[in-house]
Structures are given as C-alpha cells and as structure tokens.
Amino acid sequence: MGFFDALSFLTIIPTKANKSEFKDGGRDYWWAVGILIGSLDAVIMITFNRLFGTFVAAGFTLLFDGILTQFLHYDGLSDLSDALLGSKSRSKRLEILKDPNIGAFGFVLTLMLVLIRFSVYVRYVSSPFTGVLGFILLFATISALARALCFIVGHYFPVIENSYLAKKVFENKVSKFELAVQFFICILMVLISGVTYDKYFRIYFVDNFRFSFVILFLVVTVVVMLMVTICLFKLATKRLGGINGDTIGAAILISETAGLLMGITRW
C-alpha cells in the first residue's frame, strides 16, 4: 500500500489509502508518484500545444499540475515565505505558520514562482521537440528527483515539534537501504532521461566529448536541485527550529522549478 499512500498524500487522485490512517505518506514511493505527475504534465503540455498552441498549453499545464497536487506545494510556499522572511522572533514565525491567511511575502513569492513556471513551460513548448518520449522522460525525471531529494535530505534535519505531517513522515528512522534505493532510482532515471532526451535513444559513446557534456549537464542539474533543497531546509531550521509540511511542499516546488530551468539549457 506504500505507493497508494504516496499517491493519496501527494495528489488528488482517490485511493483506498484516503480512508486509512495517515502513516508516513508513502515516503518510499514519492519518486514513483513524481514520475506519474511529471509524465502527466508533459502529456498535457504536448497535447494542448498541438491542439491550441503555446500559451494555452503552458497555462493548462500549470493549472493541471496545481489541481493534481491539490495546490499543496503552493500553499506550503506561501505559508513558509510569510514565516521565514522579514525580521521576526522565532515564536512569531511559528505563529505565522499556523495562520491560514496569506501575507505579502507569501503572495508575491508564490505569484513570482507561478510566472516563472509559466515562462518555463512556454519556453519548452515553443522549442523544437527532439522526441516526445525524451520530453516526457525529462519532466518525469525532474518531478521524481524533486520529491526523492526532499525525502533524502529531509531526514537529516529536525522536525518542528507541532508539525504533524513532517513528524509522521520522519518519525520512523530512515534506513540506509531506503536512502540507497532512492538514490539508485534517481541516478538511473537521470541517466535514462538524459540519454533519451538528448537524441532519442542514440547514445554517442564514440563521441566522448559530447557524451561527457551530457553527463556533466545531468550532474549539474542534480546538484542544483539538491542545493536548493538543502538551503531551504537549512534556512527553515535556522529560523524555525526545524522543518514541517510547508517546508517539504515548498522544497519540492522550488527544486522542481530549478530542475525545469536547467532543462531549458539542453532542450
């Protein structure tokens, strides 16, 4: 039931897990749900681009992704922005996290990120495709990476005392086996996606320079997404005393956006 727990936790898709007690959010399968989300986003983008054009495709993809994920990541970003930014005491920051209203920091930063993602989507669909499969794999990989890296990094940080979701996800010790499996899956996805996305299953082993460039691009993309996640978690720990559900949601959204931005340099 781990996958369905993750599906229920990260998306709006109804499963039997919706009726059961929340456990750890299916943390071992976040990457799998990430693949599903990214793949669906790519399919929606390609379909709407062919039917209605660039801007409609970008807009509907943005809307579809938000609805599919219940806008939870955007909600986390807005709440976390209000709590982290500005000169406040830690107790005041923690109080703001509980406030359902959105402040100036949360509104502006969330709006800016939406505009950035829309611009990124427009850039993708307005560029010549190198293959539908490569396009879908790219989005699937970045979506999976954002969620897997959030889980891998998150277990190294303390959890805010009253954070129900984060405590549930990380209350059971994360084993080295869990981390190794997620890390291996991420690397495998990155390699398959990178090679396929580069020239649709044409691997240039003979051209060492070209192949090395592809690998370097993939490594840099992973490092950028990793650093975004670590920096956000460090900032939350410094100013809030730990991470919570909002931090996880914001980290997934920002890291994923950073990965998509990196993808533009190759697409």
C-alpha atoms as a PDB file:
ATOM      1  CA  MET A   1       0.000   0.000   0.000  1.00  0.00           C
ATOM      2  CA  GLY A   2       3.047   2.305   0.119  1.00  0.00           C
ATOM      3  CA  PHE A   3       2.559   3.607  -3.410  1.00  0.00           C
ATOM      4  CA  PHE A   4      -1.127   4.327  -2.826  1.00  0.00           C
ATOM      5  CA  ASP A   5      -0.266   6.108   0.430  1.00  0.00           C
ATOM      6  CA  ALA A   6       2.115   8.322  -1.540  1.00  0.00           C
ATOM      7  CA  LEU A   7      -0.441   8.819  -4.312  1.00  0.00           C
ATOM      8  CA  SER A   8      -3.065   9.842  -1.773  1.00  0.00           C
ATOM      9  CA  PHE A   9      -0.648  12.135   0.065  1.00  0.00           C
ATOM     10  CA  LEU A  10       0.867  13.916  -2.946  1.00  0.00           C
ATOM     11  CA  THR A  11      -2.067  14.075  -5.369  1.00  0.00           C
ATOM     12  CA  ILE A  12      -5.814  14.489  -5.537  1.00  0.00           C
ATOM     13  CA  ILE A  13      -6.263  11.007  -7.025  1.00  0.00           C
ATOM     14  CA  PRO A  14      -8.609   8.990  -4.761  1.00  0.00           C
ATOM     15  CA  THR A  15      -7.269   5.692  -3.379  1.00  0.00           C
ATOM     16  CA  LYS A  16      -8.137   3.316  -0.567  1.00  0.00           C
ATOM     17  CA  ALA A  17      -5.389   4.995   1.427  1.00  0.00           C
ATOM     18  CA  ASN A  18      -7.624   8.077   1.741  1.00  0.00           C
ATOM     19  CA  LYS A  19      -9.804   6.131   4.145  1.00  0.00           C
ATOM     20  CA  SER A  20      -6.986   4.734   6.250  1.00  0.00           C
ATOM     21  CA  GLU A  21      -4.915   6.379   8.968  1.00  0.00           C
ATOM     22  CA  PHE A  22      -2.083   8.598   7.742  1.00  0.00           C
ATOM     23  CA  LYS A  23       1.204   6.762   8.286  1.00  0.00           C
ATOM     24  CA  ASP A  24       4.394   8.036   6.668  1.00  0.00           C
ATOM     25  CA  GLY A  25       2.903   9.436   3.482  1.00  0.00           C
ATOM     26  CA  GLY A  26       4.272   6.530   1.445  1.00  0.00           C
ATOM     27  CA  ARG A  27       7.705   8.164   1.640  1.00  0.00           C
ATOM     28  CA  ASP A  28       9.465   5.282  -0.142  1.00  0.00           C
ATOM     29  CA  TYR A  29       7.307   5.896  -3.223  1.00  0.00           C
ATOM     30  CA  TRP A  30       7.416   9.671  -3.567  1.00  0.00           C
ATOM     31  CA  TRP A  31       9.725   9.228  -6.535  1.00  0.00           C
ATOM     32  CA  ALA A  32       7.189   6.945  -8.260  1.00  0.00           C
ATOM     33  CA  VAL A  33       4.382   9.464  -7.807  1.00  0.00           C
ATOM     34  CA  GLY A  34       6.795  12.110  -9.068  1.00  0.00           C
ATOM     35  CA  ILE A  35       7.260  10.117 -12.273  1.00  0.00           C
ATOM     36  CA  LEU A  36       3.481   9.930 -12.693  1.00  0.00           C
ATOM     37  CA  ILE A  37       2.981  13.664 -12.073  1.00  0.00           C
ATOM     38  CA  GLY A  38       5.800  14.723 -14.380  1.00  0.00           C
ATOM     39  CA  SER A  39       4.689  12.367 -17.143  1.00  0.00           C
ATOM     40  CA  LEU A  40       1.097  13.598 -16.992  1.00  0.00           C
ATOM     41  CA  ASP A  41       2.274  17.235 -17.060  1.00  0.00           C
ATOM     42  CA  ALA A  42       4.338  16.530 -20.184  1.00  0.00           C
ATOM     43  CA  VAL A  43       1.477  14.705 -21.929  1.00  0.00           C
ATOM     44  CA  ILE A  44      -0.931  17.553 -21.158  1.00  0.00           C
ATOM     45  CA  MET A  45       1.586  20.081 -22.441  1.00  0.00           C
ATOM     46  CA  ILE A  46       2.239  18.234 -25.696  1.00  0.00           C
ATOM     47  CA  THR A  47      -1.470  17.558 -26.333  1.00  0.00           C
ATOM     48  CA  PHE A  48      -2.662  21.110 -25.662  1.00  0.00           C
ATOM     49  CA  ASN A  49       0.231  22.568 -27.631  1.00  0.00           C
ATOM     50  CA  ARG A  50      -0.833  20.610 -30.706  1.00  0.00           C
ATOM     51  CA  LEU A  51      -4.499  21.493 -30.237  1.00  0.00           C
ATOM     52  CA  PHE A  52      -4.416  25.107 -29.050  1.00  0.00           C
ATOM     53  CA  GLY A  53      -0.866  26.471 -29.217  1.00  0.00           C
ATOM     54  CA  THR A  54       1.955  27.504 -26.902  1.00  0.00           C
ATOM     55  CA  PHE A  55       0.403  29.799 -24.307  1.00  0.00           C
ATOM     56  CA  VAL A  56      -2.776  27.761 -23.841  1.00  0.00           C
ATOM     57  CA  ALA A  57      -0.646  24.635 -23.381  1.00  0.00           C
ATOM     58  CA  ALA A  58       1.562  26.326 -20.773  1.00  0.00           C
ATOM     59  CA  GLY A  59      -1.445  27.711 -18.897  1.00  0.00           C
ATOM     60  CA  PHE A  60      -3.381  24.453 -18.824  1.00  0.00           C
ATOM     61  CA  THR A  61      -0.291  22.503 -17.766  1.00  0.00           C
ATOM     62  CA  LEU A  62       0.217  24.900 -14.882  1.00  0.00           C
ATOM     63  CA  LEU A  63      -3.445  24.557 -13.878  1.00  0.00           C
ATOM     64  CA  PHE A  64      -3.454  20.777 -14.285  1.00  0.00           C
ATOM     65  CA  ASP A  65      -0.320  20.353 -12.166  1.00  0.00           C
ATOM     66  CA  GLY A  66      -1.769  22.546  -9.434  1.00  0.00           C
ATOM     67  CA  ILE A  67      -5.083  20.694  -9.330  1.00  0.00           C
ATOM     68  CA  LEU A  68      -3.391  17.278  -9.467  1.00  0.00           C
ATOM     69  CA  THR A  69      -1.206  18.138  -6.466  1.00  0.00           C
ATOM     70  CA  GLN A  70      -4.088  19.929  -4.711  1.00  0.00           C
ATOM     71  CA  PHE A  71      -2.043  23.166  -4.789  1.00  0.00           C
ATOM     72  CA  LEU A  72      -0.423  21.910  -1.576  1.00  0.00           C
ATOM     73  CA  HIS A  73       3.077  22.864  -2.679  1.00  0.00           C
ATOM     74  CA  TYR A  74       1.942  26.406  -3.490  1.00  0.00           C
ATOM     75  CA  ASP A  75       0.205  26.620  -0.136  1.00  0.00           C
ATOM     76  CA  GLY A  76       3.403  25.452   1.551  1.00  0.00           C
ATOM     77  CA  LEU A  77       5.461  28.042  -0.308  1.00  0.00           C
ATOM     78  CA  SER A  78       3.143  30.907   0.618  1.00  0.00           C
ATOM     79  CA  ASP A  79       2.958  29.918   4.300  1.00  0.00           C
ATOM     80  CA  LEU A  80       6.697  29.309   4.568  1.00  0.00           C
ATOM     81  CA  SER A  81       7.560  32.598   2.824  1.00  0.00           C
ATOM     82  CA  ASP A  82       5.492  34.589   5.298  1.00  0.00           C
ATOM     83  CA  ALA A  83       7.112  32.785   8.227  1.00  0.00           C
ATOM     84  CA  LEU A  84      10.732  32.868   7.052  1.00  0.00           C
ATOM     85  CA  LEU A  85      11.047  36.341   5.586  1.00  0.00           C
ATOM     86  CA  GLY A  86      11.190  39.604   7.480  1.00  0.00           C
ATOM     87  CA  SER A  87      12.503  40.427  10.948  1.00  0.00           C
ATOM     88  CA  LYS A  88      10.534  38.400  13.464  1.00  0.00           C
ATOM     89  CA  SER A  89      11.143  36.314  16.555  1.00  0.00           C
ATOM     90  CA  ARG A  90      11.063  32.540  16.234  1.00  0.00           C
ATOM     91  CA  SER A  91       7.838  32.345  18.217  1.00  0.00           C
ATOM     92  CA  LYS A  92       6.214  34.852  15.860  1.00  0.00           C
ATOM     93  CA  ARG A  93       7.412  32.884  12.820  1.00  0.00           C
ATOM     94  CA  LEU A  94       5.920  29.685  14.218  1.00  0.00           C
ATOM     95  CA  GLU A  95       2.679  31.515  14.929  1.00  0.00           C
ATOM     96  CA  ILE A  96       2.515  32.735  11.317  1.00  0.00           C
ATOM     97  CA  LEU A  97       2.900  29.149  10.073  1.00  0.00           C
ATOM     98  CA  LYS A  98      -0.422  28.317  11.726  1.00  0.00           C
ATOM     99  CA  ASP A  99      -2.193  31.352  10.253  1.00  0.00           C
ATOM    100  CA  PRO A 100      -4.398  30.292   7.275  1.00  0.00           C
ATOM    101  CA  ASN A 101      -4.246  33.808   5.804  1.00  0.00           C
ATOM    102  CA  ILE A 102      -1.619  34.725   3.228  1.00  0.00           C
ATOM    103  CA  GLY A 103       0.667  37.712   3.741  1.00  0.00           C
ATOM    104  CA  ALA A 104       2.604  39.978   1.392  1.00  0.00           C
ATOM    105  CA  PHE A 105       5.716  37.774   1.253  1.00  0.00           C
ATOM    106  CA  GLY A 106       3.716  34.660   0.525  1.00  0.00           C
ATOM    107  CA  PHE A 107       1.560  36.314  -2.135  1.00  0.00           C
ATOM    108  CA  VAL A 108       4.432  37.959  -4.021  1.00  0.00           C
ATOM    109  CA  LEU A 109       6.788  34.967  -3.968  1.00  0.00           C
ATOM    110  CA  THR A 110       4.089  32.496  -4.964  1.00  0.00           C
ATOM    111  CA  LEU A 111       2.958  34.764  -7.797  1.00  0.00           C
ATOM    112  CA  MET A 112       6.556  35.174  -8.987  1.00  0.00           C
ATOM    113  CA  LEU A 113       7.128  31.427  -8.986  1.00  0.00           C
ATOM    114  CA  VAL A 114       3.896  30.836 -10.928  1.00  0.00           C
ATOM    115  CA  LEU A 115       5.040  33.347 -13.542  1.00  0.00           C
ATOM    116  CA  ILE A 116       8.461  31.697 -13.721  1.00  0.00           C
ATOM    117  CA  ARG A 117       6.943  28.251 -14.215  1.00  0.00           C
ATOM    118  CA  PHE A 118       4.576  29.586 -16.863  1.00  0.00           C
ATOM    119  CA  SER A 119       7.521  31.169 -18.700  1.00  0.00           C
ATOM    120  CA  VAL A 120       9.481  27.922 -18.450  1.00  0.00           C
ATOM    121  CA  TYR A 121       6.568  25.936 -19.876  1.00  0.00           C
ATOM    122  CA  VAL A 122       6.224  28.415 -22.738  1.00  0.00           C
ATOM    123  CA  ARG A 123       9.930  28.062 -23.480  1.00  0.00           C
ATOM    124  CA  TYR A 124       9.633  24.275 -23.646  1.00  0.00           C
ATOM    125  CA  VAL A 125       6.618  24.081 -25.929  1.00  0.00           C
ATOM    126  CA  SER A 126       7.880  26.836 -28.228  1.00  0.00           C
ATOM    127  CA  SER A 127      11.135  24.960 -28.872  1.00  0.00           C
ATOM    128  CA  PRO A 128      11.554  22.161 -31.440  1.00  0.00           C
ATOM    129  CA  PHE A 129      10.950  18.735 -29.876  1.00  0.00           C
ATOM    130  CA  THR A 130      13.752  16.168 -30.022  1.00  0.00           C
ATOM    131  CA  GLY A 131      11.244  13.393 -29.408  1.00  0.00           C
ATOM    132  CA  VAL A 132       8.044  13.010 -27.399  1.00  0.00           C
ATOM    133  CA  LEU A 133       9.473  10.209 -25.271  1.00  0.00           C
ATOM    134  CA  GLY A 134      12.502  12.271 -24.347  1.00  0.00           C
ATOM    135  CA  PHE A 135      10.278  15.211 -23.409  1.00  0.00           C
ATOM    136  CA  ILE A 136       8.079  13.070 -21.150  1.00  0.00           C
ATOM    137  CA  LEU A 137      11.095  11.404 -19.540  1.00  0.00           C
ATOM    138  CA  LEU A 138      12.678  14.775 -18.804  1.00  0.00           C
ATOM    139  CA  PHE A 139       9.612  16.022 -16.935  1.00  0.00           C
ATOM    140  CA  ALA A 140       9.138  12.680 -15.167  1.00  0.00           C
ATOM    141  CA  THR A 141      12.754  12.620 -14.003  1.00  0.00           C
ATOM    142  CA  ILE A 142      12.792  16.183 -12.675  1.00  0.00           C
ATOM    143  CA  SER A 143       9.497  15.622 -10.847  1.00  0.00           C
ATOM    144  CA  ALA A 144      10.779  12.376  -9.323  1.00  0.00           C
ATOM    145  CA  LEU A 145      14.100  13.943  -8.356  1.00  0.00           C
ATOM    146  CA  ALA A 146      12.445  16.868  -6.571  1.00  0.00           C
ATOM    147  CA  ARG A 147      10.434  14.517  -4.358  1.00  0.00           C
ATOM    148  CA  ALA A 148      13.177  11.955  -3.764  1.00  0.00           C
ATOM    149  CA  LEU A 149      15.766  14.595  -2.876  1.00  0.00           C
ATOM    150  CA  CYS A 150      13.299  16.200  -0.475  1.00  0.00           C
ATOM    151  CA  PHE A 151      12.884  12.860   1.312  1.00  0.00           C
ATOM    152  CA  ILE A 152      16.606  12.042   1.285  1.00  0.00           C
ATOM    153  CA  VAL A 153      17.658  15.463   2.600  1.00  0.00           C
ATOM    154  CA  GLY A 154      14.713  15.901   4.952  1.00  0.00           C
ATOM    155  CA  HIS A 155      15.603  13.054   7.290  1.00  0.00           C
ATOM    156  CA  TYR A 156      18.860  14.827   8.225  1.00  0.00           C
ATOM    157  CA  PHE A 157      17.001  17.834   9.667  1.00  0.00           C
ATOM    158  CA  PRO A 158      14.985  18.235  12.875  1.00  0.00           C
ATOM    159  CA  VAL A 159      11.212  18.471  12.669  1.00  0.00           C
ATOM    160  CA  ILE A 160       9.240  21.278  14.268  1.00  0.00           C
ATOM    161  CA  GLU A 161       7.554  19.977  17.391  1.00  0.00           C
ATOM    162  CA  ASN A 162       3.942  20.598  16.335  1.00  0.00           C
ATOM    163  CA  SER A 163       4.334  19.559  12.681  1.00  0.00           C
ATOM    164  CA  TYR A 164       2.027  16.571  12.272  1.00  0.00           C
ATOM    165  CA  LEU A 165       2.865  15.709   8.653  1.00  0.00           C
ATOM    166  CA  ALA A 166       6.635  16.037   8.899  1.00  0.00           C
ATOM    167  CA  LYS A 167       6.673  14.058  12.142  1.00  0.00           C
ATOM    168  CA  LYS A 168       4.659  11.267  10.576  1.00  0.00           C
ATOM    169  CA  VAL A 169       6.959  11.134   7.555  1.00  0.00           C
ATOM    170  CA  PHE A 170      10.205  11.117   9.519  1.00  0.00           C
ATOM    171  CA  GLU A 171       9.229   9.707  12.936  1.00  0.00           C
ATOM    172  CA  ASN A 172      10.387   6.220  11.925  1.00  0.00           C
ATOM    173  CA  LYS A 173      14.121   6.112  11.353  1.00  0.00           C
ATOM    174  CA  VAL A 174      15.118   6.193   7.693  1.00  0.00           C
ATOM    175  CA  SER A 175      17.321   3.204   6.916  1.00  0.00           C
ATOM    176  CA  LYS A 176      20.426   3.309   4.746  1.00  0.00           C
ATOM    177  CA  PHE A 177      18.709   0.816   2.466  1.00  0.00           C
ATOM    178  CA  GLU A 178      15.828   3.240   1.861  1.00  0.00           C
ATOM    179  CA  LEU A 179      18.254   6.009   1.020  1.00  0.00           C
ATOM    180  CA  ALA A 180      20.347   3.761  -1.240  1.00  0.00           C
ATOM    181  CA  VAL A 181      17.290   2.581  -3.185  1.00  0.00           C
ATOM    182  CA  GLN A 182      16.005   6.108  -3.731  1.00  0.00           C
ATOM    183  CA  PHE A 183      19.458   7.340  -4.714  1.00  0.00           C
ATOM    184  CA  PHE A 184      19.910   4.477  -7.185  1.00  0.00           C
ATOM    185  CA  ILE A 185      16.494   5.078  -8.750  1.00  0.00           C
ATOM    186  CA  CYS A 186      17.247   8.776  -9.119  1.00  0.00           C
ATOM    187  CA  ILE A 187      20.573   8.159 -10.827  1.00  0.00           C
ATOM    188  CA  LEU A 188      19.015   5.564 -13.138  1.00  0.00           C
ATOM    189  CA  MET A 189      16.181   7.907 -14.087  1.00  0.00           C
ATOM    190  CA  VAL A 190      18.611  10.744 -14.726  1.00  0.00           C
ATOM    191  CA  LEU A 191      20.809   8.630 -16.993  1.00  0.00           C
ATOM    192  CA  ILE A 192      17.904   7.181 -18.987  1.00  0.00           C
ATOM    193  CA  SER A 193      16.253  10.562 -19.296  1.00  0.00           C
ATOM    194  CA  GLY A 194      19.442  12.357 -20.242  1.00  0.00           C
ATOM    195  CA  VAL A 195      20.465   9.958 -22.949  1.00  0.00           C
ATOM    196  CA  THR A 196      16.962   9.564 -24.388  1.00  0.00           C
ATOM    197  CA  TYR A 197      16.178  13.255 -24.182  1.00  0.00           C
ATOM    198  CA  ASP A 198      19.482  14.147 -25.836  1.00  0.00           C
ATOM    199  CA  LYS A 199      18.963  12.254 -29.084  1.00  0.00           C
ATOM    200  CA  TYR A 200      16.045   9.839 -28.763  1.00  0.00           C
ATOM    201  CA  PHE A 201      17.896   6.654 -27.823  1.00  0.00           C
ATOM    202  CA  ARG A 202      21.018   7.497 -29.853  1.00  0.00           C
ATOM    203  CA  ILE A 203      23.950   7.261 -27.437  1.00  0.00           C
ATOM    204  CA  TYR A 204      27.176   8.796 -28.702  1.00  0.00           C
ATOM    205  CA  PHE A 205      29.721   6.651 -26.886  1.00  0.00           C
ATOM    206  CA  VAL A 206      32.191   7.227 -29.737  1.00  0.00           C
ATOM    207  CA  ASP A 207      31.990  10.976 -29.326  1.00  0.00           C
ATOM    208  CA  ASN A 208      33.474  11.126 -25.833  1.00  0.00           C
ATOM    209  CA  PHE A 209      33.322  14.895 -25.634  1.00  0.00           C
ATOM    210  CA  ARG A 210      29.615  15.025 -26.466  1.00  0.00           C
ATOM    211  CA  PHE A 211      28.727  12.213 -24.074  1.00  0.00           C
ATOM    212  CA  SER A 212      30.793  13.824 -21.310  1.00  0.00           C
ATOM    213  CA  PHE A 213      28.900  17.072 -21.841  1.00  0.00           C
ATOM    214  CA  VAL A 214      25.570  15.284 -21.420  1.00  0.00           C
ATOM    215  CA  ILE A 215      26.745  13.655 -18.182  1.00  0.00           C
ATOM    216  CA  LEU A 216      28.076  17.000 -16.906  1.00  0.00           C
ATOM    217  CA  PHE A 217      24.728  18.649 -17.605  1.00  0.00           C
ATOM    218  CA  LEU A 218      22.899  15.898 -15.707  1.00  0.00           C
ATOM    219  CA  VAL A 219      25.252  16.141 -12.731  1.00  0.00           C
ATOM    220  CA  VAL A 220      24.904  19.932 -12.568  1.00  0.00           C
ATOM    221  CA  THR A 221      21.101  19.649 -12.714  1.00  0.00           C
ATOM    222  CA  VAL A 222      21.020  17.208  -9.803  1.00  0.00           C
ATOM    223  CA  VAL A 223      23.454  19.345  -7.790  1.00  0.00           C
ATOM    224  CA  VAL A 224      21.401  22.498  -8.373  1.00  0.00           C
ATOM    225  CA  MET A 225      18.193  20.778  -7.249  1.00  0.00           C
ATOM    226  CA  LEU A 226      19.986  19.278  -4.255  1.00  0.00           C
ATOM    227  CA  MET A 227      21.461  22.613  -3.183  1.00  0.00           C
ATOM    228  CA  VAL A 228      18.078  24.348  -3.469  1.00  0.00           C
ATOM    229  CA  THR A 229      16.550  21.721  -1.162  1.00  0.00           C
ATOM    230  CA  ILE A 230      19.411  21.819   1.359  1.00  0.00           C
ATOM    231  CA  CYS A 231      19.499  25.629   1.505  1.00  0.00           C
ATOM    232  CA  LEU A 232      15.755  25.892   2.085  1.00  0.00           C
ATOM    233  CA  PHE A 233      15.853  23.238   4.820  1.00  0.00           C
ATOM    234  CA  LYS A 234      18.829  24.958   6.459  1.00  0.00           C
ATOM    235  CA  LEU A 235      17.064  28.312   6.419  1.00  0.00           C
ATOM    236  CA  ALA A 236      13.915  26.774   7.909  1.00  0.00           C
ATOM    237  CA  THR A 237      15.943  25.055  10.629  1.00  0.00           C
ATOM    238  CA  LYS A 238      17.793  28.263  11.477  1.00  0.00           C
ATOM    239  CA  ARG A 239      14.699  30.459  11.697  1.00  0.00           C
ATOM    240  CA  LEU A 240      12.022  27.986  12.760  1.00  0.00           C
ATOM    241  CA  GLY A 241      13.990  25.340  14.618  1.00  0.00           C
ATOM    242  CA  GLY A 242      13.245  22.616  12.069  1.00  0.00           C
ATOM    243  CA  ILE A 243      11.210  21.649   9.028  1.00  0.00           C
ATOM    244  CA  ASN A 244       7.488  20.980   8.628  1.00  0.00           C
ATOM    245  CA  GLY A 245       4.979  20.037   5.961  1.00  0.00           C
ATOM    246  CA  ASP A 246       5.091  23.523   4.430  1.00  0.00           C
ATOM    247  CA  THR A 247       8.872  23.268   4.106  1.00  0.00           C
ATOM    248  CA  ILE A 248       8.568  19.934   2.311  1.00  0.00           C
ATOM    249  CA  GLY A 249       5.958  21.288  -0.110  1.00  0.00           C
ATOM    250  CA  ALA A 250       7.933  24.455  -0.832  1.00  0.00           C
ATOM    251  CA  ALA A 251      11.161  22.493  -1.323  1.00  0.00           C
ATOM    252  CA  ILE A 252       9.513  20.179  -3.870  1.00  0.00           C
ATOM    253  CA  LEU A 253       8.049  23.109  -5.815  1.00  0.00           C
ATOM    254  CA  ILE A 254      11.196  25.271  -5.876  1.00  0.00           C
ATOM    255  CA  SER A 255      13.539  22.355  -6.564  1.00  0.00           C
ATOM    256  CA  GLU A 256      11.337  21.119  -9.395  1.00  0.00           C
ATOM    257  CA  THR A 257      11.226  24.600 -10.923  1.00  0.00           C
ATOM    258  CA  ALA A 258      15.023  24.837 -10.698  1.00  0.00           C
ATOM    259  CA  GLY A 259      15.337  21.478 -12.466  1.00  0.00           C
ATOM    260  CA  LEU A 260      12.981  22.580 -15.251  1.00  0.00           C
ATOM    261  CA  LEU A 261      15.024  25.760 -15.669  1.00  0.00           C
ATOM    262  CA  MET A 262      18.164  23.667 -16.054  1.00  0.00           C
ATOM    263  CA  GLY A 263      16.394  21.501 -18.612  1.00  0.00           C
ATOM    264  CA  ILE A 264      15.859  24.526 -20.845  1.00  0.00           C
ATOM    265  CA  THR A 265      19.618  24.791 -21.387  1.00  0.00           C
ATOM    266  CA  ARG A 266      19.532  21.437 -23.196  1.00  0.00           C
ATOM    267  CA  TRP A 267      16.061  21.464 -24.708  1.00  0.00           C
END
